């Protein structure tokens, strides 16, 4: 069964409620596939849930995008593309003229797709709706202060805290390069720092996951999913090469990466039990 855990909650009641509804549809499809209804009964239930998914795509995404537009969220265009992909995927499911086994296979494949897509989308994008500019307020503070690794981020796991501080320091250097580049962005230098960030992030996540595995931490799988999302977004950095306004693209990416890391540490990493003294 699919659990809507705290790391999936973004703090906007309507959006959280609609995300929970999608989880409930996924669970109903899973139950239907497991309980072995007669062919007609199973087909009827599955087709009902498929229609609910299509309605979800039409309504929930419209609500989410309207909220983001109202709040001038810089991630809106990226979200629209992700939503369009989901809607196309669901709308392309065609159960007509298929036998029971064929329909079952399509629904099972859809569950696998939805699970991966949903966790990635919520943990990688939706959790930051309304949070990016709250976290990264360059008008109110100096960049060095924004990226300071203060005690509010401490997990009290020595290795993890040391490596988190290093991640903050690398992002801070990237911000510094962008903010002090004047009219001519030193693109190669910024990309070099982001390459360093990507390499160190892989290094850190492997250590963090090893520690969680060593203590049999129940939140390990959710952490792995979240880590995969962050790494995928970092891998997108090379898209800037094909963007006309590289500065804006790089600034938006840095804001996203720092806000994600900030929220991930506060919402997930601080829940990991520290070693006993």
Protein backbone atom coordinates (compact mmCIF):
# COMPACT_ATOMS: atom_id res chain seq x y z
CA UNK A 1 0.00 0.00 0.00
CA UNK A 2 1.08 3.56 -0.70
CA UNK A 3 1.38 5.80 2.34
CA UNK A 4 1.07 9.58 2.20
CA UNK A 5 3.80 10.33 4.72
CA UNK A 6 4.89 13.64 6.22
CA UNK A 7 7.71 14.06 3.72
CA UNK A 8 5.04 14.25 0.98
CA UNK A 9 3.07 17.01 2.72
CA UNK A 10 3.72 20.51 1.36
CA UNK A 11 1.58 22.54 3.79
CA UNK A 12 -1.05 23.79 1.31
CA UNK A 13 -4.29 22.09 2.43
CA UNK A 14 -6.02 21.75 -0.94
CA UNK A 15 -2.93 20.43 -2.71
CA UNK A 16 -2.12 18.01 0.13
CA UNK A 17 -5.72 16.77 0.11
CA UNK A 18 -5.64 16.16 -3.63
CA UNK A 19 -2.30 14.36 -3.40
CA UNK A 20 -3.77 12.09 -0.73
CA UNK A 21 -6.69 11.38 -3.06
CA UNK A 22 -4.30 10.18 -5.77
CA UNK A 23 -2.64 7.89 -3.24
CA UNK A 24 -6.07 6.50 -2.35
CA UNK A 25 -6.84 5.76 -6.02
CA UNK A 26 -3.53 3.94 -6.36
CA UNK A 27 -4.35 1.88 -3.27
CA UNK A 28 -7.82 1.02 -4.60
CA UNK A 29 -6.34 -0.17 -7.91
CA UNK A 30 -3.82 -2.27 -5.99
CA UNK A 31 -6.56 -3.79 -3.83
CA UNK A 32 -8.65 -4.61 -6.90
CA UNK A 33 -5.72 -6.34 -8.56
CA UNK A 34 -5.03 -8.33 -5.37
CA UNK A 35 -8.49 -9.45 -4.31
CA UNK A 36 -9.32 -11.46 -7.44
CA UNK A 37 -12.75 -10.23 -8.46
CA UNK A 38 -14.56 -11.94 -11.29
CA UNK A 39 -13.49 -10.62 -14.69
CA UNK A 40 -16.45 -8.29 -15.16
CA UNK A 41 -16.29 -6.93 -11.62
CA UNK A 42 -12.55 -6.26 -11.84
CA UNK A 43 -12.88 -4.58 -15.21
CA UNK A 44 -15.65 -2.33 -13.96
CA UNK A 45 -13.68 -1.22 -10.88
CA UNK A 46 -10.46 -0.63 -12.79
CA UNK A 47 -12.20 1.42 -15.46
CA UNK A 48 -13.83 3.56 -12.75
CA UNK A 49 -10.48 4.27 -11.14
CA UNK A 50 -8.95 5.10 -14.52
CA UNK A 51 -11.62 7.74 -15.05
CA UNK A 52 -10.89 9.15 -11.58
CA UNK A 53 -7.22 9.45 -12.51
CA UNK A 54 -8.08 11.35 -15.68
CA UNK A 55 -10.33 13.70 -13.70
CA UNK A 56 -7.54 14.19 -11.16
CA UNK A 57 -5.16 15.22 -13.91
CA UNK A 58 -7.61 17.78 -15.24
CA UNK A 59 -8.59 19.30 -11.89
CA UNK A 60 -5.67 18.96 -9.48
CA UNK A 61 -3.03 20.26 -11.84
CA UNK A 62 -5.22 23.22 -12.72
CA UNK A 63 -5.52 24.05 -8.99
CA UNK A 64 -1.79 23.64 -8.44
CA UNK A 65 -0.84 25.79 -11.43
CA UNK A 66 -3.33 28.50 -10.46
CA UNK A 67 -1.80 28.66 -6.98
CA UNK A 68 1.71 28.88 -8.42
CA UNK A 69 0.71 31.57 -10.90
CA UNK A 70 -0.95 33.61 -8.16
CA UNK A 71 2.28 33.46 -6.12
CA UNK A 72 4.66 34.04 -9.07
CA UNK A 73 6.32 30.69 -8.44
CA UNK A 74 9.46 30.39 -10.63
CA UNK A 75 8.90 26.65 -11.03
CA UNK A 76 5.54 27.06 -12.80
CA UNK A 77 6.73 26.35 -16.34
CA UNK A 78 8.62 23.24 -15.26
CA UNK A 79 5.54 22.07 -13.35
CA UNK A 80 3.31 22.60 -16.40
CA UNK A 81 5.56 20.37 -18.49
CA UNK A 82 5.55 17.65 -15.82
CA UNK A 83 1.77 17.84 -15.49
CA UNK A 84 1.29 17.61 -19.27
CA UNK A 85 3.47 14.49 -19.31
CA UNK A 86 1.35 12.86 -16.59
CA UNK A 87 -1.95 13.74 -18.27
CA UNK A 88 -0.75 12.40 -21.62
CA UNK A 89 0.45 9.18 -19.99
CA UNK A 90 -2.89 8.55 -18.27
CA UNK A 91 -5.04 9.63 -21.21
CA UNK A 92 -3.16 7.32 -23.54
CA UNK A 93 -4.21 4.27 -21.52
CA UNK A 94 -6.74 2.41 -23.66
CA UNK A 95 -8.49 -0.64 -22.22
CA UNK A 96 -10.86 -1.13 -25.14
CA UNK A 97 -10.88 -4.50 -26.91
CA UNK A 98 -8.45 -6.03 -24.42
CA UNK A 99 -8.91 -9.25 -22.51
CA UNK A 100 -8.72 -9.44 -18.72
CA UNK A 101 -5.04 -10.40 -18.59
CA UNK A 102 -4.05 -7.60 -20.95
CA UNK A 103 -5.99 -5.05 -18.88
CA UNK A 104 -4.38 -6.30 -15.68
CA UNK A 105 -0.91 -5.94 -17.19
CA UNK A 106 -1.63 -2.35 -18.28
CA UNK A 107 -2.93 -1.40 -14.82
CA UNK A 108 0.03 -3.01 -13.07
CA UNK A 109 2.44 -1.12 -15.33
CA UNK A 110 0.53 2.09 -14.63
CA UNK A 111 0.85 1.59 -10.87
CA UNK A 112 4.63 1.23 -11.22
CA UNK A 113 4.77 4.38 -13.32
CA UNK A 114 2.52 6.37 -10.98
CA UNK A 115 4.48 5.35 -7.90
CA UNK A 116 7.79 6.51 -9.34
CA UNK A 117 6.37 9.62 -10.97
CA UNK A 118 4.31 10.71 -7.98
CA UNK A 119 7.05 10.39 -5.39
CA UNK A 120 9.56 12.08 -7.68
CA UNK A 121 7.18 14.89 -8.54
CA UNK A 122 5.93 15.57 -5.02
CA UNK A 123 9.33 15.26 -3.34
CA UNK A 124 11.23 17.00 -6.11
CA UNK A 125 8.85 19.76 -7.15
CA UNK A 126 5.59 20.05 -5.22
CA UNK A 127 7.17 20.21 -1.77
CA UNK A 128 8.80 23.49 -2.83
CA UNK A 129 5.64 25.22 -4.04
CA UNK A 130 5.59 28.54 -2.23
CA UNK A 131 8.89 27.78 -0.46
CA UNK A 132 11.65 28.71 -2.89
CA UNK A 133 11.48 32.46 -2.45
CA UNK A 134 10.70 32.14 1.26
CA UNK A 135 13.92 30.18 1.71
CA UNK A 136 16.06 32.09 -0.75
CA UNK A 137 15.41 35.79 -0.14
CA UNK A 138 18.39 37.47 -1.74
CA UNK A 139 16.88 40.91 -1.29
CA UNK A 140 16.66 40.58 2.48
CA UNK A 141 19.99 38.90 3.25
CA UNK A 142 23.51 38.62 1.97
CA UNK A 143 24.25 35.42 0.04
CA UNK A 144 26.86 34.32 2.57
CA UNK A 145 24.24 34.51 5.33
CA UNK A 146 21.67 32.55 3.33
CA UNK A 147 24.07 29.65 2.85
CA UNK A 148 25.42 29.65 6.42
CA UNK A 149 25.17 26.18 7.95
CA UNK A 150 23.69 27.02 11.34
CA UNK A 151 22.59 24.82 14.23
CA UNK A 152 18.99 24.66 12.98
CA UNK A 153 20.27 22.16 10.40
CA UNK A 154 22.18 19.95 12.82
CA UNK A 155 21.13 16.30 12.81
CA UNK A 156 23.71 15.49 15.52
CA UNK A 157 25.08 12.77 13.26
CA UNK A 158 28.69 14.00 12.97
CA UNK A 159 29.49 12.75 9.47
CA UNK A 160 26.14 13.90 8.07
CA UNK A 161 26.43 17.38 9.59
CA UNK A 162 29.99 17.74 8.31
CA UNK A 163 28.94 16.80 4.79
CA UNK A 164 25.82 19.00 4.87
CA UNK A 165 28.03 21.94 5.81
CA UNK A 166 30.19 21.17 2.79
CA UNK A 167 27.15 21.13 0.49
CA UNK A 168 26.08 24.54 1.82
CA UNK A 169 29.58 25.87 1.25
CA UNK A 170 29.65 24.69 -2.37
CA UNK A 171 26.24 26.18 -3.15
CA UNK A 172 27.34 29.39 -1.45
CA UNK A 173 30.35 29.60 -3.79
CA UNK A 174 28.11 29.14 -6.81
CA UNK A 175 25.81 31.93 -5.59
CA UNK A 176 28.82 34.16 -5.00
CA UNK A 177 30.05 33.66 -8.56
CA UNK A 178 26.64 34.48 -10.02
CA UNK A 179 25.98 37.50 -7.81
CA UNK A 180 29.41 39.06 -8.39
CA UNK A 181 29.69 38.40 -12.11
CA UNK A 182 28.23 41.73 -13.20
CA UNK A 183 26.79 41.72 -16.70
CA UNK A 184 29.04 38.86 -17.85
CA UNK A 185 28.28 35.58 -16.15
CA UNK A 186 31.37 33.40 -15.81
CA UNK A 187 29.39 30.41 -16.99
CA UNK A 188 32.29 27.94 -17.07
CA UNK A 189 33.28 28.73 -13.48
CA UNK A 190 29.70 28.35 -12.24
CA UNK A 191 29.32 25.03 -14.09
CA UNK A 192 32.59 23.84 -12.56
CA UNK A 193 31.22 24.52 -9.07
CA UNK A 194 27.94 22.78 -9.94
CA UNK A 195 29.90 19.77 -11.20
CA UNK A 196 31.67 19.74 -7.84
CA UNK A 197 28.29 19.95 -6.11
CA UNK A 198 26.98 17.00 -8.12
CA UNK A 199 30.02 14.86 -7.35
CA UNK A 200 29.96 15.69 -3.66
CA UNK A 201 26.21 15.10 -3.45
CA UNK A 202 26.65 11.55 -4.78
CA UNK A 203 29.42 11.06 -2.21
CA UNK A 204 27.28 12.42 0.64
CA UNK A 205 24.09 10.56 -0.21
CA UNK A 206 25.97 7.26 -0.34
CA UNK A 207 27.34 7.88 3.18
CA UNK A 208 23.98 9.00 4.54
CA UNK A 209 22.19 5.97 3.10
CA UNK A 210 24.87 3.62 4.45
CA UNK A 211 24.36 5.09 7.92
CA UNK A 212 20.56 4.73 7.69
CA UNK A 213 20.96 1.15 6.51
CA UNK A 214 23.31 0.39 9.42
CA UNK A 215 20.66 1.43 11.96
CA UNK A 216 17.79 -0.19 10.01
CA UNK A 217 16.09 3.20 9.62
CA UNK A 218 12.51 2.75 8.42
CA UNK A 219 12.60 5.95 6.38
CA UNK A 220 15.49 4.78 4.19
CA UNK A 221 13.44 4.11 1.04
CA UNK A 222 11.74 7.51 1.19
CA UNK A 223 15.19 9.06 1.60
CA UNK A 224 16.53 7.18 -1.41
CA UNK A 225 13.62 8.40 -3.54
CA UNK A 226 14.19 11.97 -2.40
CA UNK A 227 17.92 11.75 -3.09
CA UNK A 228 17.28 10.43 -6.61
CA UNK A 229 15.07 13.45 -7.32
CA UNK A 230 17.75 15.93 -6.22
CA UNK A 231 20.42 14.20 -8.29
CA UNK A 232 18.14 14.17 -11.35
CA UNK A 233 17.63 17.92 -11.04
CA UNK A 234 21.37 18.47 -10.68
CA UNK A 235 21.90 16.45 -13.85
CA UNK A 236 19.67 18.96 -15.66
CA UNK A 237 22.23 21.71 -15.14
CA UNK A 238 23.74 21.13 -18.57
CA UNK A 239 20.50 22.35 -20.15
CA UNK A 240 21.76 25.87 -19.45
CA UNK A 241 24.10 25.48 -22.41
CA UNK A 242 21.11 25.68 -24.74
CA UNK A 243 19.28 28.48 -22.89
CA UNK A 244 19.50 32.07 -24.10
CA UNK A 245 19.38 33.62 -20.63
CA UNK A 246 21.93 31.48 -18.82
CA UNK A 247 22.03 33.73 -15.78
CA UNK A 248 18.31 33.39 -15.09
CA UNK A 249 18.43 29.63 -15.63
CA UNK A 250 21.40 29.20 -13.28
CA UNK A 251 19.88 31.48 -10.63
CA UNK A 252 16.58 29.55 -10.73
CA UNK A 253 18.43 26.24 -10.47
CA UNK A 254 20.51 27.42 -7.50
CA UNK A 255 17.40 28.72 -5.75
CA UNK A 256 15.67 25.39 -6.30
CA UNK A 257 18.66 23.30 -5.19
CA UNK A 258 19.23 25.30 -2.02
CA UNK A 259 15.54 25.43 -1.10
CA UNK A 260 15.23 21.68 -1.71
CA UNK A 261 18.31 20.90 0.38
CA UNK A 262 17.16 23.24 3.14
CA UNK A 263 13.71 21.67 3.31
CA UNK A 264 15.03 18.11 2.97
CA UNK A 265 17.36 18.49 5.93
CA UNK A 266 14.72 20.14 8.12
CA UNK A 267 11.84 17.83 7.15
CA UNK A 268 13.60 14.48 6.65
CA UNK A 269 17.24 14.33 7.73
CA UNK A 270 16.58 15.68 11.22
CA UNK A 271 14.29 12.68 11.78
CA UNK A 272 17.17 10.22 11.35
CA UNK A 273 18.22 8.94 14.80
CA UNK A 274 21.65 10.11 15.87
CA UNK A 275 24.21 7.63 17.27
CA UNK A 276 23.86 6.97 20.95
CA UNK A 277 26.45 8.75 23.06
